[in-house]
Amino acid sequence: MSDAACDEPGHGIEQAYELSEPPEKVWRALSIQALREHWLPEAALAGPEPVAVTPGEEVSYRMREAVPPYLESTVTFRIAPNGTGGTCLRIIHDLTDARFARLTKAAANRNAPLLRAA
C-alpha cells in the first residue's frame, strides 16, 4: 500500500497475503459457492451472490453483522499472480452502511478548528 493510500480517509481494513497456490485455484475458492462456504459461510453474507465480479481478478460480497445494529459492509478479494507461481491475495473490507457514515461525521467537536481567545 502506498503512502498516498494511507493518507486517504477510509473506513476499511486492507490485508495482503502471499499464497503458494496458483491464481486459478485461489479464484475457484473465492468464486465457487460450495468452496467459499468452507471459509466464508453464507450466514455471514447479506446475500449469497457477489455484488461485483471481474473474472479471475476480483470478487466482492456484501456482508451483514449477525448482531445489532446489523451494519453492512463490502469485502473485496483481489488476486494477482506473484513471481513464484503463487498468488498475491488482497482483502479489502469496507464498512459501507449509511448509518456508519452518519456516525463518523458527528464528532464531539464537529470537526471544526479550535479557536481560543488571546
PDB file of N, CA and C in Angstrom:
ATOM      1  N   MET A   1       0.851  -1.174   0.000  1.00  0.00           N
ATOM      2  CA  MET A   1       0.000   0.000   0.000  1.00  0.00           C
ATOM      3  C   MET A   1       0.893   1.232   0.000  1.00  0.00           C
ATOM      4  N   SER A   2       0.556   2.216  -0.784  1.00  0.00           N
ATOM      5  CA  SER A   2       1.383   3.413  -0.905  1.00  0.00           C
ATOM      6  C   SER A   2       1.082   4.394   0.219  1.00  0.00           C
ATOM      7  N   ASP A   3       1.985   5.367   0.400  1.00  0.00           N
ATOM      8  CA  ASP A   3       1.763   6.392   1.414  1.00  0.00           C
ATOM      9  C   ASP A   3       0.528   7.211   1.104  1.00  0.00           C
ATOM     10  N   ALA A   4       0.260   7.461  -0.174  1.00  0.00           N
ATOM     11  CA  ALA A   4      -0.923   8.239  -0.562  1.00  0.00           C
ATOM     12  C   ALA A   4      -2.189   7.535  -0.121  1.00  0.00           C
ATOM     13  N   ALA A   5      -2.219   6.205  -0.233  1.00  0.00           N
ATOM     14  CA  ALA A   5      -3.398   5.460   0.185  1.00  0.00           C
ATOM     15  C   ALA A   5      -3.581   5.557   1.699  1.00  0.00           C
ATOM     16  N   CYS A   6      -2.480   5.652   2.446  1.00  0.00           N
ATOM     17  CA  CYS A   6      -2.582   5.780   3.900  1.00  0.00           C
ATOM     18  C   CYS A   6      -3.159   7.127   4.307  1.00  0.00           C
ATOM     19  N   ASP A   7      -2.948   8.151   3.489  1.00  0.00           N
ATOM     20  CA  ASP A   7      -3.444   9.479   3.812  1.00  0.00           C
ATOM     21  C   ASP A   7      -4.931   9.638   3.539  1.00  0.00           C
ATOM     22  N   GLU A   8      -5.499   8.772   2.693  1.00  0.00           N
ATOM     23  CA  GLU A   8      -6.905   8.884   2.355  1.00  0.00           C
ATOM     24  C   GLU A   8      -7.754   8.400   3.518  1.00  0.00           C
ATOM     25  N   PRO A   9      -8.803   9.180   3.899  1.00  0.00           N
ATOM     26  CA  PRO A   9      -9.666   8.698   4.956  1.00  0.00           C
ATOM     27  C   PRO A   9     -10.460   7.508   4.446  1.00  0.00           C
ATOM     28  N   GLY A  10     -10.602   6.525   5.277  1.00  0.00           N
ATOM     29  CA  GLY A  10     -11.358   5.345   4.878  1.00  0.00           C
ATOM     30  C   GLY A  10     -11.886   4.633   6.093  1.00  0.00           C
ATOM     31  N   HIS A  11     -12.823   3.763   5.855  1.00  0.00           N
ATOM     32  CA  HIS A  11     -13.417   3.021   6.949  1.00  0.00           C
ATOM     33  C   HIS A  11     -13.012   1.563   6.886  1.00  0.00           C
ATOM     34  N   GLY A  12     -12.130   1.238   5.956  1.00  0.00           N
ATOM     35  CA  GLY A  12     -11.845  -0.157   5.687  1.00  0.00           C
ATOM     36  C   GLY A  12     -10.546  -0.653   6.267  1.00  0.00           C
ATOM     37  N   ILE A  13     -10.401  -1.952   6.107  1.00  0.00           N
ATOM     38  CA  ILE A  13      -9.189  -2.660   6.500  1.00  0.00           C
ATOM     39  C   ILE A  13      -8.685  -3.365   5.260  1.00  0.00           C
ATOM     40  N   GLU A  14      -7.393  -3.277   4.990  1.00  0.00           N
ATOM     41  CA  GLU A  14      -6.817  -3.960   3.841  1.00  0.00           C
ATOM     42  C   GLU A  14      -5.682  -4.840   4.312  1.00  0.00           C
ATOM     43  N   GLN A  15      -5.708  -6.097   3.838  1.00  0.00           N
ATOM     44  CA  GLN A  15      -4.672  -7.053   4.181  1.00  0.00           C
ATOM     45  C   GLN A  15      -4.165  -7.698   2.902  1.00  0.00           C
ATOM     46  N   ALA A  16      -2.896  -8.061   2.887  1.00  0.00           N
ATOM     47  CA  ALA A  16      -2.304  -8.722   1.724  1.00  0.00           C
ATOM     48  C   ALA A  16      -1.623 -10.007   2.174  1.00  0.00           C
ATOM     49  N   TYR A  17      -1.795 -11.041   1.367  1.00  0.00           N
ATOM     50  CA  TYR A  17      -1.224 -12.348   1.666  1.00  0.00           C
ATOM     51  C   TYR A  17      -0.544 -12.895   0.420  1.00  0.00           C
ATOM     52  N   GLU A  18       0.590 -13.551   0.602  1.00  0.00           N
ATOM     53  CA  GLU A  18       1.265 -14.271  -0.469  1.00  0.00           C
ATOM     54  C   GLU A  18       0.946 -15.745  -0.272  1.00  0.00           C
ATOM     55  N   LEU A  19       0.295 -16.334  -1.264  1.00  0.00           N
ATOM     56  CA  LEU A  19      -0.100 -17.737  -1.203  1.00  0.00           C
ATOM     57  C   LEU A  19       0.725 -18.553  -2.188  1.00  0.00           C
ATOM     58  N   SER A  20       1.007 -19.796  -1.849  1.00  0.00           N
ATOM     59  CA  SER A  20       1.796 -20.647  -2.741  1.00  0.00           C
ATOM     60  C   SER A  20       0.943 -21.275  -3.839  1.00  0.00           C
ATOM     61  N   GLU A  21      -0.371 -21.243  -3.692  1.00  0.00           N
ATOM     62  CA  GLU A  21      -1.271 -21.832  -4.684  1.00  0.00           C
ATOM     63  C   GLU A  21      -1.388 -20.922  -5.912  1.00  0.00           C
ATOM     64  N   PRO A  22      -1.624 -21.499  -7.097  1.00  0.00           N
ATOM     65  CA  PRO A  22      -1.753 -20.684  -8.312  1.00  0.00           C
ATOM     66  C   PRO A  22      -3.043 -19.864  -8.303  1.00  0.00           C
ATOM     67  N   PRO A  23      -3.081 -18.756  -9.023  1.00  0.00           N
ATOM     68  CA  PRO A  23      -4.254 -17.884  -9.040  1.00  0.00           C
ATOM     69  C   PRO A  23      -5.550 -18.602  -9.423  1.00  0.00           C
ATOM     70  N   GLU A  24      -5.488 -19.560 -10.339  1.00  0.00           N
ATOM     71  CA  GLU A  24      -6.699 -20.267 -10.760  1.00  0.00           C
ATOM     72  C   GLU A  24      -7.343 -21.014  -9.594  1.00  0.00           C
ATOM     73  N   LYS A  25      -6.538 -21.619  -8.762  1.00  0.00           N
ATOM     74  CA  LYS A  25      -7.049 -22.368  -7.610  1.00  0.00           C
ATOM     75  C   LYS A  25      -7.630 -21.413  -6.567  1.00  0.00           C
ATOM     76  N   VAL A  26      -6.958 -20.295  -6.325  1.00  0.00           N
ATOM     77  CA  VAL A  26      -7.455 -19.295  -5.373  1.00  0.00           C
ATOM     78  C   VAL A  26      -8.767 -18.708  -5.885  1.00  0.00           C
ATOM     79  N   TRP A  27      -8.839 -18.438  -7.197  1.00  0.00           N
ATOM     80  CA  TRP A  27     -10.072 -17.891  -7.777  1.00  0.00           C
ATOM     81  C   TRP A  27     -11.252 -18.842  -7.554  1.00  0.00           C
ATOM     82  N   ARG A  28     -11.022 -20.137  -7.737  1.00  0.00           N
ATOM     83  CA  ARG A  28     -12.103 -21.111  -7.510  1.00  0.00           C
ATOM     84  C   ARG A  28     -12.572 -21.053  -6.060  1.00  0.00           C
ATOM     85  N   ALA A  29     -11.648 -20.957  -5.116  1.00  0.00           N
ATOM     86  CA  ALA A  29     -12.020 -20.903  -3.697  1.00  0.00           C
ATOM     87  C   ALA A  29     -12.805 -19.646  -3.357  1.00  0.00           C
ATOM     88  N   LEU A  30     -12.570 -18.564  -4.101  1.00  0.00           N
ATOM     89  CA  LEU A  30     -13.271 -17.307  -3.867  1.00  0.00           C
ATOM     90  C   LEU A  30     -14.630 -17.248  -4.548  1.00  0.00           C
ATOM     91  N   SER A  31     -14.738 -17.840  -5.715  1.00  0.00           N
ATOM     92  CA  SER A  31     -15.913 -17.606  -6.550  1.00  0.00           C
ATOM     93  C   SER A  31     -16.930 -18.747  -6.597  1.00  0.00           C
ATOM     94  N   ILE A  32     -16.542 -19.960  -6.255  1.00  0.00           N
ATOM     95  CA  ILE A  32     -17.484 -21.086  -6.266  1.00  0.00           C
ATOM     96  C   ILE A  32     -18.106 -21.208  -4.878  1.00  0.00           C
ATOM     97  N   GLN A  33     -19.419 -21.075  -4.829  1.00  0.00           N
ATOM     98  CA  GLN A  33     -20.136 -21.007  -3.552  1.00  0.00           C
ATOM     99  C   GLN A  33     -19.833 -22.204  -2.643  1.00  0.00           C
ATOM    100  N   ALA A  34     -19.821 -23.414  -3.169  1.00  0.00           N
ATOM    101  CA  ALA A  34     -19.583 -24.599  -2.347  1.00  0.00           C
ATOM    102  C   ALA A  34     -18.186 -24.574  -1.711  1.00  0.00           C
ATOM    103  N   LEU A  35     -17.202 -24.044  -2.418  1.00  0.00           N
ATOM    104  CA  LEU A  35     -15.848 -23.939  -1.867  1.00  0.00           C
ATOM    105  C   LEU A  35     -15.740 -22.762  -0.901  1.00  0.00           C
ATOM    106  N   ARG A  36     -16.347 -21.624  -1.268  1.00  0.00           N
ATOM    107  CA  ARG A  36     -16.306 -20.430  -0.414  1.00  0.00           C
ATOM    108  C   ARG A  36     -16.984 -20.682   0.927  1.00  0.00           C
ATOM    109  N   GLU A  37     -18.009 -21.524   0.916  1.00  0.00           N
ATOM    110  CA  GLU A  37     -18.784 -21.831   2.120  1.00  0.00           C
ATOM    111  C   GLU A  37     -17.907 -22.386   3.248  1.00  0.00           C
ATOM    112  N   HIS A  38     -16.764 -23.003   2.921  1.00  0.00           N
ATOM    113  CA  HIS A  38     -15.865 -23.573   3.933  1.00  0.00           C
ATOM    114  C   HIS A  38     -15.187 -22.500   4.782  1.00  0.00           C
ATOM    115  N   TRP A  39     -14.948 -21.337   4.210  1.00  0.00           N
ATOM    116  CA  TRP A  39     -14.221 -20.296   4.949  1.00  0.00           C
ATOM    117  C   TRP A  39     -14.996 -18.993   5.064  1.00  0.00           C
ATOM    118  N   LEU A  40     -16.048 -18.800   4.261  1.00  0.00           N
ATOM    119  CA  LEU A  40     -16.912 -17.622   4.363  1.00  0.00           C
ATOM    120  C   LEU A  40     -18.352 -18.103   4.210  1.00  0.00           C
ATOM    121  N   PRO A  41     -18.991 -18.466   5.334  1.00  0.00           N
ATOM    122  CA  PRO A  41     -20.329 -19.044   5.259  1.00  0.00           C
ATOM    123  C   PRO A  41     -21.380 -18.041   4.799  1.00  0.00           C
ATOM    124  N   GLU A  42     -22.407 -18.568   4.129  1.00  0.00           N
ATOM    125  CA  GLU A  42     -23.479 -17.733   3.614  1.00  0.00           C
ATOM    126  C   GLU A  42     -24.159 -16.942   4.733  1.00  0.00           C
ATOM    127  N   ALA A  43     -24.156 -17.465   5.953  1.00  0.00           N
ATOM    128  CA  ALA A  43     -24.783 -16.775   7.088  1.00  0.00           C
ATOM    129  C   ALA A  43     -24.117 -15.427   7.374  1.00  0.00           C
ATOM    130  N   ALA A  44     -22.855 -15.275   6.996  1.00  0.00           N
ATOM    131  CA  ALA A  44     -22.141 -14.007   7.218  1.00  0.00           C
ATOM    132  C   ALA A  44     -22.419 -12.993   6.117  1.00  0.00           C
ATOM    133  N   LEU A  45     -23.032 -13.441   5.040  1.00  0.00           N
ATOM    134  CA  LEU A  45     -23.276 -12.579   3.891  1.00  0.00           C
ATOM    135  C   LEU A  45     -24.685 -12.003   3.915  1.00  0.00           C
ATOM    136  N   ALA A  46     -24.838 -10.811   3.343  1.00  0.00           N
ATOM    137  CA  ALA A  46     -26.158 -10.203   3.205  1.00  0.00           C
ATOM    138  C   ALA A  46     -26.900 -10.875   2.056  1.00  0.00           C
ATOM    139  N   GLY A  47     -26.182 -11.491   1.153  1.00  0.00           N
ATOM    140  CA  GLY A  47     -26.742 -12.226   0.025  1.00  0.00           C
ATOM    141  C   GLY A  47     -25.679 -13.156  -0.513  1.00  0.00           C
ATOM    142  N   PRO A  48     -26.063 -14.319  -1.049  1.00  0.00           N
ATOM    143  CA  PRO A  48     -25.062 -15.291  -1.482  1.00  0.00           C
ATOM    144  C   PRO A  48     -24.342 -14.925  -2.777  1.00  0.00           C
ATOM    145  N   GLU A  49     -24.936 -14.062  -3.578  1.00  0.00           N
ATOM    146  CA  GLU A  49     -24.342 -13.699  -4.861  1.00  0.00           C
ATOM    147  C   GLU A  49     -23.366 -12.535  -4.701  1.00  0.00           C
ATOM    148  N   PRO A  50     -22.285 -12.526  -5.470  1.00  0.00           N
ATOM    149  CA  PRO A  50     -21.355 -11.400  -5.419  1.00  0.00           C
ATOM    150  C   PRO A  50     -22.010 -10.121  -5.942  1.00  0.00           C
ATOM    151  N   VAL A  51     -21.573  -8.968  -5.415  1.00  0.00           N
ATOM    152  CA  VAL A  51     -22.097  -7.685  -5.885  1.00  0.00           C
ATOM    153  C   VAL A  51     -21.286  -7.165  -7.071  1.00  0.00           C
ATOM    154  N   ALA A  52     -20.064  -7.644  -7.226  1.00  0.00           N
ATOM    155  CA  ALA A  52     -19.221  -7.249  -8.356  1.00  0.00           C
ATOM    156  C   ALA A  52     -18.209  -8.360  -8.623  1.00  0.00           C
ATOM    157  N   VAL A  53     -17.958  -8.612  -9.901  1.00  0.00           N
ATOM    158  CA  VAL A  53     -17.002  -9.651 -10.288  1.00  0.00           C
ATOM    159  C   VAL A  53     -16.205  -9.195 -11.495  1.00  0.00           C
ATOM    160  N   THR A  54     -14.901  -9.331 -11.415  1.00  0.00           N
ATOM    161  CA  THR A  54     -14.017  -9.232 -12.569  1.00  0.00           C
ATOM    162  C   THR A  54     -13.374 -10.611 -12.649  1.00  0.00           C
ATOM    163  N   PRO A  55     -13.860 -11.478 -13.551  1.00  0.00           N
ATOM    164  CA  PRO A  55     -13.429 -12.877 -13.572  1.00  0.00           C
ATOM    165  C   PRO A  55     -11.916 -13.052 -13.512  1.00  0.00           C
ATOM    166  N   GLY A  56     -11.516 -13.916 -12.594  1.00  0.00           N
ATOM    167  CA  GLY A  56     -10.106 -14.236 -12.431  1.00  0.00           C
ATOM    168  C   GLY A  56      -9.283 -13.198 -11.700  1.00  0.00           C
ATOM    169  N   GLU A  57      -9.898 -12.055 -11.331  1.00  0.00           N
ATOM    170  CA  GLU A  57      -9.134 -10.977 -10.703  1.00  0.00           C
ATOM    171  C   GLU A  57      -9.725 -10.467  -9.392  1.00  0.00           C
ATOM    172  N   GLU A  58     -11.055 -10.279  -9.358  1.00  0.00           N
ATOM    173  CA  GLU A  58     -11.648  -9.615  -8.201  1.00  0.00           C
ATOM    174  C   GLU A  58     -13.103 -10.034  -8.029  1.00  0.00           C
ATOM    175  N   VAL A  59     -13.510 -10.219  -6.769  1.00  0.00           N
ATOM    176  CA  VAL A  59     -14.905 -10.511  -6.450  1.00  0.00           C
ATOM    177  C   VAL A  59     -15.242  -9.809  -5.135  1.00  0.00           C
ATOM    178  N   SER A  60     -16.455  -9.234  -5.070  1.00  0.00           N
ATOM    179  CA  SER A  60     -16.908  -8.514  -3.873  1.00  0.00           C
ATOM    180  C   SER A  60     -18.227  -9.103  -3.383  1.00  0.00           C
ATOM    181  N   TYR A  61     -18.346  -9.200  -2.068  1.00  0.00           N
ATOM    182  CA  TYR A  61     -19.566  -9.700  -1.436  1.00  0.00           C
ATOM    183  C   TYR A  61     -20.056  -8.688  -0.410  1.00  0.00           C
ATOM    184  N   ARG A  62     -21.376  -8.606  -0.246  1.00  0.00           N
ATOM    185  CA  ARG A  62     -21.978  -7.788   0.797  1.00  0.00           C
ATOM    186  C   ARG A  62     -22.106  -8.632   2.044  1.00  0.00           C
ATOM    187  N   MET A  63     -21.687  -8.072   3.174  1.00  0.00           N
ATOM    188  CA  MET A  63     -21.779  -8.778   4.448  1.00  0.00           C
ATOM    189  C   MET A  63     -22.685  -8.000   5.389  1.00  0.00           C
ATOM    190  N   ARG A  64     -23.261  -8.703   6.354  1.00  0.00           N
ATOM    191  CA  ARG A  64     -24.098  -8.068   7.369  1.00  0.00           C
ATOM    192  C   ARG A  64     -23.747  -8.692   8.716  1.00  0.00           C
ATOM    193  N   GLU A  65     -23.559  -7.835   9.732  1.00  0.00           N
ATOM    194  CA  GLU A  65     -23.261  -8.335  11.067  1.00  0.00           C
ATOM    195  C   GLU A  65     -24.422  -9.171  11.587  1.00  0.00           C
ATOM    196  N   ALA A  66     -24.120 -10.152  12.415  1.00  0.00           N
ATOM    197  CA  ALA A  66     -25.144 -11.041  12.958  1.00  0.00           C
ATOM    198  C   ALA A  66     -25.797 -10.479  14.217  1.00  0.00           C
ATOM    199  N   VAL A  67     -25.253  -9.397  14.753  1.00  0.00           N
ATOM    200  CA  VAL A  67     -25.785  -8.806  15.984  1.00  0.00           C
ATOM    201  C   VAL A  67     -26.133  -7.341  15.735  1.00  0.00           C
ATOM    202  N   PRO A  68     -27.064  -6.790  16.521  1.00  0.00           N
ATOM    203  CA  PRO A  68     -27.413  -5.368  16.338  1.00  0.00           C
ATOM    204  C   PRO A  68     -26.173  -4.513  16.465  1.00  0.00           C
ATOM    205  N   PRO A  69     -26.057  -3.470  15.687  1.00  0.00           N
ATOM    206  CA  PRO A  69     -27.043  -2.821  14.821  1.00  0.00           C
ATOM    207  C   PRO A  69     -27.079  -3.369  13.403  1.00  0.00           C
ATOM    208  N   TYR A  70     -26.534  -4.575  13.143  1.00  0.00           N
ATOM    209  CA  TYR A  70     -26.589  -5.237  11.836  1.00  0.00           C
ATOM    210  C   TYR A  70     -26.002  -4.361  10.718  1.00  0.00           C
ATOM    211  N   LEU A  71     -24.842  -3.798  10.968  1.00  0.00           N
ATOM    212  CA  LEU A  71     -24.189  -2.954   9.960  1.00  0.00           C
ATOM    213  C   LEU A  71     -23.791  -3.781   8.745  1.00  0.00           C
ATOM    214  N   GLU A  72     -23.842  -3.155   7.567  1.00  0.00           N
ATOM    215  CA  GLU A  72     -23.456  -3.821   6.330  1.00  0.00           C
ATOM    216  C   GLU A  72     -22.092  -3.328   5.872  1.00  0.00           C
ATOM    217  N   SER A  73     -21.387  -4.214   5.198  1.00  0.00           N
ATOM    218  CA  SER A  73     -20.060  -3.896   4.687  1.00  0.00           C
ATOM    219  C   SER A  73     -19.850  -4.640   3.374  1.00  0.00           C
ATOM    220  N   THR A  74     -18.764  -4.306   2.713  1.00  0.00           N
ATOM    221  CA  THR A  74     -18.387  -4.998   1.481  1.00  0.00           C
ATOM    222  C   THR A  74     -16.976  -5.532   1.657  1.00  0.00           C
ATOM    223  N   VAL A  75     -16.800  -6.793   1.321  1.00  0.00           N
ATOM    224  CA  VAL A  75     -15.467  -7.381   1.351  1.00  0.00           C
ATOM    225  C   VAL A  75     -15.097  -7.727  -0.091  1.00  0.00           C
ATOM    226  N   THR A  76     -13.920  -7.252  -0.503  1.00  0.00           N
ATOM    227  CA  THR A  76     -13.436  -7.459  -1.862  1.00  0.00           C
ATOM    228  C   THR A  76     -12.160  -8.290  -1.807  1.00  0.00           C
ATOM    229  N   PHE A  77     -12.103  -9.297  -2.653  1.00  0.00           N
ATOM    230  CA  PHE A  77     -10.935 -10.162  -2.767  1.00  0.00           C
ATOM    231  C   PHE A  77     -10.306  -9.913  -4.132  1.00  0.00           C
ATOM    232  N   ARG A  78      -9.037  -9.494  -4.144  1.00  0.00           N
ATOM    233  CA  ARG A  78      -8.300  -9.256  -5.394  1.00  0.00           C
ATOM    234  C   ARG A  78      -7.142 -10.237  -5.459  1.00  0.00           C
ATOM    235  N   ILE A  79      -7.003 -10.855  -6.600  1.00  0.00           N
ATOM    236  CA  ILE A  79      -5.887 -11.789  -6.754  1.00  0.00           C
ATOM    237  C   ILE A  79      -5.042 -11.388  -7.960  1.00  0.00           C
ATOM    238  N   ALA A  80      -3.768 -11.700  -7.844  1.00  0.00           N
ATOM    239  CA  ALA A  80      -2.825 -11.456  -8.936  1.00  0.00           C
ATOM    240  C   ALA A  80      -1.704 -12.482  -8.804  1.00  0.00           C
ATOM    241  N   PRO A  81      -1.150 -12.915  -9.923  1.00  0.00           N
ATOM    242  CA  PRO A  81      -0.027 -13.845  -9.835  1.00  0.00           C
ATOM    243  C   PRO A  81       1.188 -13.148  -9.222  1.00  0.00           C
ATOM    244  N   ASN A  82       1.936 -13.904  -8.436  1.00  0.00           N
ATOM    245  CA  ASN A  82       3.195 -13.348  -7.934  1.00  0.00           C
ATOM    246  C   ASN A  82       4.336 -13.941  -8.755  1.00  0.00           C
ATOM    247  N   GLY A  83       5.518 -13.589  -8.479  1.00  0.00           N
ATOM    248  CA  GLY A  83       6.662 -14.013  -9.292  1.00  0.00           C
ATOM    249  C   GLY A  83       7.090 -15.452  -9.088  1.00  0.00           C
ATOM    250  N   THR A  84       6.488 -16.171  -8.156  1.00  0.00           N
ATOM    251  CA  THR A  84       6.922 -17.537  -7.843  1.00  0.00           C
ATOM    252  C   THR A  84       5.912 -18.599  -8.255  1.00  0.00           C
ATOM    253  N   GLY A  85       4.903 -18.227  -9.025  1.00  0.00           N
ATOM    254  CA  GLY A  85       3.882 -19.179  -9.435  1.00  0.00           C
ATOM    255  C   GLY A  85       2.706 -19.229  -8.480  1.00  0.00           C
ATOM    256  N   GLY A  86       2.778 -18.460  -7.420  1.00  0.00           N
ATOM    257  CA  GLY A  86       1.700 -18.402  -6.438  1.00  0.00           C
ATOM    258  C   GLY A  86       0.792 -17.214  -6.691  1.00  0.00           C
ATOM    259  N   THR A  87       0.128 -16.773  -5.637  1.00  0.00           N
ATOM    260  CA  THR A  87      -0.884 -15.722  -5.756  1.00  0.00           C
ATOM    261  C   THR A  87      -0.701 -14.673  -4.677  1.00  0.00           C
ATOM    262  N   CYS A  88      -0.867 -13.418  -5.070  1.00  0.00           N
ATOM    263  CA  CYS A  88      -0.966 -12.322  -4.107  1.00  0.00           C
ATOM    264  C   CYS A  88      -2.465 -12.088  -3.906  1.00  0.00           C
ATOM    265  N   LEU A  89      -2.939 -12.252  -2.686  1.00  0.00           N
ATOM    266  CA  LEU A  89      -4.351 -12.060  -2.352  1.00  0.00           C
ATOM    267  C   LEU A  89      -4.479 -10.817  -1.489  1.00  0.00           C
ATOM    268  N   ARG A  90      -5.286  -9.861  -1.944  1.00  0.00           N
ATOM    269  CA  ARG A  90      -5.584  -8.655  -1.171  1.00  0.00           C
ATOM    270  C   ARG A  90      -7.041  -8.735  -0.748  1.00  0.00           C
ATOM    271  N   ILE A  91      -7.293  -8.489   0.522  1.00  0.00           N
ATOM    272  CA  ILE A  91      -8.650  -8.495   1.061  1.00  0.00           C
ATOM    273  C   ILE A  91      -8.934  -7.095   1.565  1.00  0.00           C
ATOM    274  N   ILE A  92      -9.958  -6.471   1.006  1.00  0.00           N
ATOM    275  CA  ILE A  92     -10.338  -5.108   1.385  1.00  0.00           C
ATOM    276  C   ILE A  92     -11.739  -5.170   1.966  1.00  0.00           C
ATOM    277  N   HIS A  93     -11.858  -4.806   3.227  1.00  0.00           N
ATOM    278  CA  HIS A  93     -13.149  -4.863   3.922  1.00  0.00           C
ATOM    279  C   HIS A  93     -13.549  -3.433   4.282  1.00  0.00           C
ATOM    280  N   ASP A  94     -14.608  -2.942   3.628  1.00  0.00           N
ATOM    281  CA  ASP A  94     -15.089  -1.572   3.828  1.00  0.00           C
ATOM    282  C   ASP A  94     -16.455  -1.574   4.485  1.00  0.00           C
ATOM    283  N   LEU A  95     -16.597  -0.774   5.523  1.00  0.00           N
ATOM    284  CA  LEU A  95     -17.899  -0.582   6.153  1.00  0.00           C
ATOM    285  C   LEU A  95     -18.669   0.398   5.285  1.00  0.00           C
ATOM    286  N   THR A  96     -19.725  -0.080   4.646  1.00  0.00           N
ATOM    287  CA  THR A  96     -20.460   0.728   3.675  1.00  0.00           C
ATOM    288  C   THR A  96     -21.835   1.145   4.170  1.00  0.00           C
ATOM    289  N   ASP A  97     -22.210   0.739   5.361  1.00  0.00           N
ATOM    290  CA  ASP A  97     -23.539   1.060   5.882  1.00  0.00           C
ATOM    291  C   ASP A  97     -23.707   2.572   6.025  1.00  0.00           C
ATOM    292  N   ALA A  98     -24.797   3.110   5.491  1.00  0.00           N
ATOM    293  CA  ALA A  98     -25.051   4.560   5.531  1.00  0.00           C
ATOM    294  C   ALA A  98     -25.136   5.066   6.965  1.00  0.00           C
ATOM    295  N   ARG A  99     -25.601   4.234   7.878  1.00  0.00           N
ATOM    296  CA  ARG A  99     -25.686   4.654   9.290  1.00  0.00           C
ATOM    297  C   ARG A  99     -24.307   4.909   9.870  1.00  0.00           C
ATOM    298  N   PHE A 100     -23.294   4.195   9.422  1.00  0.00           N
ATOM    299  CA  PHE A 100     -21.938   4.396   9.906  1.00  0.00           C
ATOM    300  C   PHE A 100     -21.394   5.738   9.447  1.00  0.00           C
ATOM    301  N   ALA A 101     -21.657   6.124   8.214  1.00  0.00           N
ATOM    302  CA  ALA A 101     -21.186   7.410   7.686  1.00  0.00           C
ATOM    303  C   ALA A 101     -21.732   8.550   8.526  1.00  0.00           C
ATOM    304  N   ARG A 102     -22.974   8.439   8.930  1.00  0.00           N
ATOM    305  CA  ARG A 102     -23.590   9.459   9.777  1.00  0.00           C
ATOM    306  C   ARG A 102     -22.880   9.552  11.122  1.00  0.00           C
ATOM    307  N   LEU A 103     -22.512   8.416  11.685  1.00  0.00           N
ATOM    308  CA  LEU A 103     -21.852   8.394  12.993  1.00  0.00           C
ATOM    309  C   LEU A 103     -20.458   9.012  12.939  1.00  0.00           C
ATOM    310  N   THR A 104     -19.709   8.776  11.861  1.00  0.00           N
ATOM    311  CA  THR A 104     -18.342   9.279  11.796  1.00  0.00           C
ATOM    312  C   THR A 104     -18.290  10.790  11.607  1.00  0.00           C
ATOM    313  N   LYS A 105     -19.341  11.386  11.081  1.00  0.00           N
ATOM    314  CA  LYS A 105     -19.364  12.831  10.884  1.00  0.00           C
ATOM    315  C   LYS A 105     -19.863  13.574  12.108  1.00  0.00           C
ATOM    316  N   ALA A 106     -20.356  12.862  13.098  1.00  0.00           N
ATOM    317  CA  ALA A 106     -20.932  13.502  14.276  1.00  0.00           C
ATOM    318  C   ALA A 106     -19.933  13.514  15.427  1.00  0.00           C
ATOM    319  N   ALA A 107     -18.741  14.007  15.185  1.00  0.00           N
ATOM    320  CA  ALA A 107     -17.731  14.085  16.228  1.00  0.00           C
ATOM    321  C   ALA A 107     -18.107  15.147  17.251  1.00  0.00           C
ATOM    322  N   ALA A 108     -17.603  15.000  18.462  1.00  0.00           N
ATOM    323  CA  ALA A 108     -17.958  15.912  19.550  1.00  0.00           C
ATOM    324  C   ALA A 108     -17.556  17.353  19.243  1.00  0.00           C
ATOM    325  N   ASN A 109     -16.473  17.537  18.523  1.00  0.00           N
ATOM    326  CA  ASN A 109     -16.017  18.896  18.221  1.00  0.00           C
ATOM    327  C   ASN A 109     -16.504  19.391  16.871  1.00  0.00           C
ATOM    328  N   ARG A 110     -17.399  18.658  16.244  1.00  0.00           N
ATOM    329  CA  ARG A 110     -17.968  18.998  14.924  1.00  0.00           C
ATOM    330  C   ARG A 110     -16.888  19.140  13.850  1.00  0.00           C
ATOM    331  N   ASN A 111     -15.723  18.587  14.115  1.00  0.00           N
ATOM    332  CA  ASN A 111     -14.602  18.622  13.172  1.00  0.00           C
ATOM    333  C   ASN A 111     -14.214  20.040  12.762  1.00  0.00           C
ATOM    334  N   ALA A 112     -14.492  20.999  13.611  1.00  0.00           N
ATOM    335  CA  ALA A 112     -14.142  22.401  13.331  1.00  0.00           C
ATOM    336  C   ALA A 112     -12.850  22.739  14.077  1.00  0.00           C
ATOM    337  N   PRO A 113     -12.063  23.681  13.553  1.00  0.00           N
ATOM    338  CA  PRO A 113     -10.830  24.073  14.252  1.00  0.00           C
ATOM    339  C   PRO A 113     -11.149  24.715  15.594  1.00  0.00           C
ATOM    340  N   LEU A 114     -10.284  24.483  16.538  1.00  0.00           N
ATOM    341  CA  LEU A 114     -10.454  25.041  17.878  1.00  0.00           C
ATOM    342  C   LEU A 114      -9.948  26.489  17.876  1.00  0.00           C
ATOM    343  N   LEU A 115     -10.771  27.403  18.312  1.00  0.00           N
ATOM    344  CA  LEU A 115     -10.381  28.824  18.399  1.00  0.00           C
ATOM    345  C   LEU A 115     -10.267  29.216  19.864  1.00  0.00           C
ATOM    346  N   ARG A 116      -9.226  29.976  20.187  1.00  0.00           N
ATOM    347  CA  ARG A 116      -9.018  30.423  21.561  1.00  0.00           C
ATOM    348  C   ARG A 116      -8.882  31.929  21.583  1.00  0.00           C
ATOM    349  N   ALA A 117      -9.407  32.501  22.624  1.00  0.00           N
ATOM    350  CA  ALA A 117      -9.278  33.960  22.809  1.00  0.00           C
ATOM    351  C   ALA A 117      -7.874  34.249  23.350  1.00  0.00           C
ATOM    352  N   ALA A 118      -7.311  35.388  22.948  1.00  0.00           N
ATOM    353  CA  ALA A 118      -5.970  35.742  23.376  1.00  0.00           C
ATOM    354  C   ALA A 118      -5.969  36.379  24.732  1.00  0.00           C
TER     355      ALA A 118
END
